[in-house]
Amino acid sequence: MATRAGEPITATGIAVPGPDGLVESRLARTDCVWHGHEVLRHYWSLPQNGVERERVCDPIADHASAELFGIVAPGRRAWKGGTVLVDPEGAELSGADMCLQRVVGRPQQGVPAPADDLLPRVKGRISGIFRGETIEFEYREWVIRPGAPIAVHGVVEMRDGRPVIVPPPGGRLRVERGDGDDSEASGPVPKGAGALLLGGGA
């Protein structure tokens, strides 16, 4: 793997925790190797030029974890050889499992406000232009669980003697839930594979 440093590759295998172990998703508190969430504001648009208002939504917060995780060949034990690290910061994720979707209505006059225990867990700043009349807020969270088949597209970088898959110059790392073959995107990686599958080019 060290000899491929700087080369574009696709690595296919099983997601495993990074050096610091499992991470916990912020909203659902689910153990995983990667998590991301977003908050959507649903609202009635302001009527303009005789056009009736319509229901629309805007994202007002989003976050994705940046902790390193690993990818290993099916059947191999993590950290017993063959594990390659993945740096997911700024990565483009597809096919991750949605572990939470919750809608919380805005407080109504004279009606007790619905419990919203998720807002304090949102990472980062709530931002956006709050136009129109708020209807509700929607929380969504996705995770990659340990043992999930994934395909990672990036380049190899050596860090402290360990290979790490990072974004290509001027591009983004891509991580796909599944084996990277669109025809089998939701299927498992064959258990008979004895080594991490590497392909040239992302």
Protein backbone atom coordinates (compact mmCIF):
# COMPACT_ATOMS: atom_id res chain seq x y z
CA MET A 1 0.00 0.00 0.00
CA ALA A 2 2.86 2.39 0.76
CA THR A 3 4.07 2.03 -2.82
CA ARG A 4 0.72 3.45 -4.01
CA ALA A 5 0.98 6.70 -2.03
CA GLY A 6 -0.47 9.54 -4.06
CA GLU A 7 -2.22 7.24 -6.53
CA PRO A 8 -6.00 7.32 -7.01
CA ILE A 9 -7.56 4.10 -5.73
CA THR A 10 -10.85 2.46 -4.87
CA ALA A 11 -10.79 0.31 -1.73
CA THR A 12 -13.65 -2.12 -1.10
CA GLY A 13 -14.18 -3.89 2.20
CA ILE A 14 -15.87 -3.71 5.59
CA ALA A 15 -16.09 -0.60 7.78
CA VAL A 16 -14.40 -0.96 11.18
CA PRO A 17 -13.78 1.50 14.02
CA GLY A 18 -10.70 3.72 13.88
CA PRO A 19 -7.81 3.79 16.37
CA ASP A 20 -9.99 5.50 19.00
CA GLY A 21 -12.82 2.98 18.71
CA LEU A 22 -16.49 3.48 17.89
CA VAL A 23 -18.00 6.94 17.77
CA GLU A 24 -21.49 7.91 18.90
CA SER A 25 -23.87 9.73 16.60
CA ARG A 26 -24.92 13.09 18.02
CA LEU A 27 -28.70 12.87 17.66
CA ALA A 28 -29.71 9.20 17.96
CA ARG A 29 -26.75 8.25 20.18
CA THR A 30 -26.03 5.26 17.94
CA ASP A 31 -22.64 3.50 17.91
CA CYS A 32 -21.07 3.80 14.47
CA VAL A 33 -17.85 4.57 12.59
CA TRP A 34 -19.25 7.68 10.87
CA HIS A 35 -22.30 9.89 11.36
CA GLY A 36 -23.85 12.99 9.82
CA HIS A 37 -26.97 15.02 10.46
CA GLU A 38 -28.97 17.95 9.13
CA VAL A 39 -31.82 20.15 10.32
CA LEU A 40 -34.49 21.36 7.92
CA ARG A 41 -36.91 24.23 8.54
CA HIS A 42 -40.29 23.75 6.89
CA TYR A 43 -42.28 26.94 6.38
CA TRP A 44 -45.01 28.69 4.42
CA SER A 45 -43.48 31.02 1.85
CA LEU A 46 -44.58 34.64 1.73
CA PRO A 47 -47.19 35.34 -0.98
CA GLN A 48 -45.77 37.34 -3.88
CA ASN A 49 -47.39 38.94 -6.93
CA GLY A 50 -50.69 37.22 -6.32
CA VAL A 51 -49.09 33.76 -6.06
CA GLU A 52 -50.40 31.84 -3.07
CA ARG A 53 -47.96 30.80 -0.42
CA GLU A 54 -46.51 27.31 -0.66
CA ARG A 55 -44.85 24.89 1.70
CA VAL A 56 -41.06 24.85 1.28
CA CYS A 57 -38.02 23.96 3.39
CA ASP A 58 -34.44 25.12 3.87
CA PRO A 59 -31.48 23.39 5.54
CA ILE A 60 -30.42 25.42 8.58
CA ALA A 61 -27.71 23.16 10.05
CA ASP A 62 -25.57 20.20 9.00
CA HIS A 63 -22.61 18.30 10.38
CA ALA A 64 -20.52 15.22 9.52
CA SER A 65 -18.02 13.45 11.76
CA ALA A 66 -14.32 13.66 10.91
CA GLU A 67 -12.90 10.86 13.10
CA LEU A 68 -10.76 8.33 11.27
CA PHE A 69 -12.26 4.89 10.69
CA GLY A 70 -10.94 1.77 9.02
CA ILE A 71 -11.71 -0.47 6.07
CA VAL A 72 -10.68 -4.11 6.19
CA ALA A 73 -11.18 -7.20 4.04
CA PRO A 74 -14.24 -9.33 4.88
CA GLY A 75 -13.32 -12.09 7.32
CA ARG A 76 -10.28 -10.25 8.65
CA ARG A 77 -10.18 -9.00 12.22
CA ALA A 78 -9.65 -5.27 12.55
CA TRP A 79 -6.12 -4.23 13.53
CA LYS A 80 -4.78 -7.75 13.01
CA GLY A 81 -3.24 -6.68 9.72
CA GLY A 82 -4.67 -5.33 6.51
CA THR A 83 -6.65 -2.42 7.98
CA VAL A 84 -6.46 0.82 6.02
CA LEU A 85 -7.57 4.07 7.62
CA VAL A 86 -10.06 6.47 6.02
CA ASP A 87 -10.09 10.22 6.71
CA PRO A 88 -13.74 11.22 6.10
CA GLU A 89 -13.41 14.96 6.68
CA GLY A 90 -15.37 16.72 3.94
CA ALA A 91 -16.19 13.40 2.26
CA GLU A 92 -19.13 12.80 -0.04
CA LEU A 93 -21.19 9.97 1.47
CA SER A 94 -23.86 7.93 -0.29
CA GLY A 95 -26.04 5.07 0.88
CA ALA A 96 -25.49 5.63 4.62
CA ASP A 97 -28.23 4.27 6.91
CA MET A 98 -30.77 6.83 8.13
CA CYS A 99 -31.00 6.16 11.86
CA LEU A 100 -33.25 9.07 12.85
CA GLN A 101 -35.90 11.27 11.27
CA ARG A 102 -37.96 13.39 13.63
CA VAL A 103 -40.31 16.31 13.01
CA VAL A 104 -40.89 18.85 15.78
CA GLY A 105 -43.68 21.39 15.37
CA ARG A 106 -43.18 25.01 16.31
CA PRO A 107 -44.74 26.17 19.60
CA GLN A 108 -48.36 27.29 19.31
CA GLN A 109 -49.86 30.06 21.43
CA GLY A 110 -51.56 28.59 24.48
CA VAL A 111 -50.27 25.08 23.72
CA PRO A 112 -47.32 23.51 25.58
CA ALA A 113 -44.24 23.42 23.33
CA PRO A 114 -43.29 19.96 22.07
CA ALA A 115 -40.25 18.48 23.73
CA ASP A 116 -37.19 19.09 21.55
CA ASP A 117 -34.26 17.29 23.12
CA LEU A 118 -32.41 17.17 19.79
CA LEU A 119 -31.65 20.88 19.37
CA PRO A 120 -28.92 20.95 22.05
CA ARG A 121 -27.21 18.00 20.33
CA VAL A 122 -26.93 19.70 16.93
CA LYS A 123 -23.29 20.35 16.10
CA GLY A 124 -22.40 23.79 14.85
CA ARG A 125 -24.43 26.90 14.34
CA ILE A 126 -28.06 27.18 13.29
CA SER A 127 -28.03 29.59 10.36
CA GLY A 128 -30.16 30.79 7.49
CA ILE A 129 -32.69 33.43 6.57
CA PHE A 130 -35.92 32.66 8.37
CA ARG A 131 -38.45 33.76 5.77
CA GLY A 132 -42.15 33.07 5.97
CA GLU A 133 -44.06 31.30 8.73
CA THR A 134 -42.35 28.33 10.38
CA ILE A 135 -44.36 25.09 10.29
CA GLU A 136 -41.93 22.63 11.86
CA PHE A 137 -38.31 21.55 12.13
CA GLU A 138 -37.08 18.21 10.80
CA TYR A 139 -34.03 16.39 12.12
CA ARG A 140 -32.31 13.70 10.04
CA GLU A 141 -29.26 11.60 10.89
CA TRP A 142 -27.28 8.99 8.96
CA VAL A 143 -24.62 6.52 10.10
CA ILE A 144 -22.19 3.95 8.77
CA ARG A 145 -22.25 1.04 11.18
CA PRO A 146 -19.32 -1.25 11.92
CA GLY A 147 -19.41 -4.25 9.58
CA ALA A 148 -21.11 -2.35 6.76
CA PRO A 149 -19.73 -3.05 3.27
CA ILE A 150 -18.25 0.14 1.81
CA ALA A 151 -16.26 1.38 -1.15
CA VAL A 152 -13.86 4.31 -0.69
CA HIS A 153 -12.57 6.39 -3.61
CA GLY A 154 -9.56 8.63 -2.95
CA VAL A 155 -5.78 8.60 -2.82
CA VAL A 156 -3.34 6.98 -0.41
CA GLU A 157 -1.35 9.10 2.03
CA MET A 158 1.15 7.72 4.54
CA ARG A 159 0.77 9.01 8.10
CA ASP A 160 3.15 7.77 10.78
CA GLY A 161 3.84 4.72 8.65
CA ARG A 162 0.14 3.85 8.18
CA PRO A 163 -1.78 4.15 4.90
CA VAL A 164 -4.72 6.55 5.03
CA ILE A 165 -7.19 7.15 2.20
CA VAL A 166 -7.72 10.89 1.72
CA PRO A 167 -9.35 13.18 -0.89
CA PRO A 168 -7.61 13.56 -4.26
CA PRO A 169 -6.01 16.96 -4.91
CA GLY A 170 -8.74 19.46 -5.66
CA GLY A 171 -11.48 16.87 -5.11
CA ARG A 172 -13.49 15.09 -2.43
CA LEU A 173 -13.18 11.66 -0.91
CA ARG A 174 -16.16 9.47 -1.83
CA VAL A 175 -17.51 6.79 0.49
CA GLU A 176 -20.32 4.52 -0.71
CA ARG A 177 -22.35 2.15 1.42
CA GLY A 178 -22.25 -1.13 -0.52
CA ASP A 179 -19.50 -2.63 -2.65
CA GLY A 180 -19.25 0.21 -5.16
CA ASP A 181 -21.00 -1.75 -7.93
CA ASP A 182 -24.24 0.08 -8.73
CA SER A 183 -25.96 -3.19 -9.59
CA GLU A 184 -25.20 -4.57 -6.14
CA ALA A 185 -25.10 -1.34 -4.16
CA SER A 186 -27.15 -2.75 -1.30
CA GLY A 187 -25.69 -6.23 -1.28
CA PRO A 188 -22.97 -7.62 0.97
CA VAL A 189 -19.32 -7.90 0.04
CA PRO A 190 -18.53 -11.59 -0.71
CA LYS A 191 -17.27 -13.26 2.47
CA GLY A 192 -14.73 -15.31 0.61
CA ALA A 193 -12.53 -12.32 -0.19
CA GLY A 194 -9.22 -12.71 1.59
CA ALA A 195 -7.73 -9.25 1.06
CA LEU A 196 -8.80 -5.65 0.82
CA LEU A 197 -9.87 -5.12 -2.77
CA LEU A 198 -8.00 -2.27 -4.44
CA GLY A 199 -8.62 -0.81 -7.86
CA GLY A 200 -6.82 1.90 -9.75
CA GLY A 201 -8.54 5.18 -10.44
CA ALA A 202 -11.42 6.73 -8.55
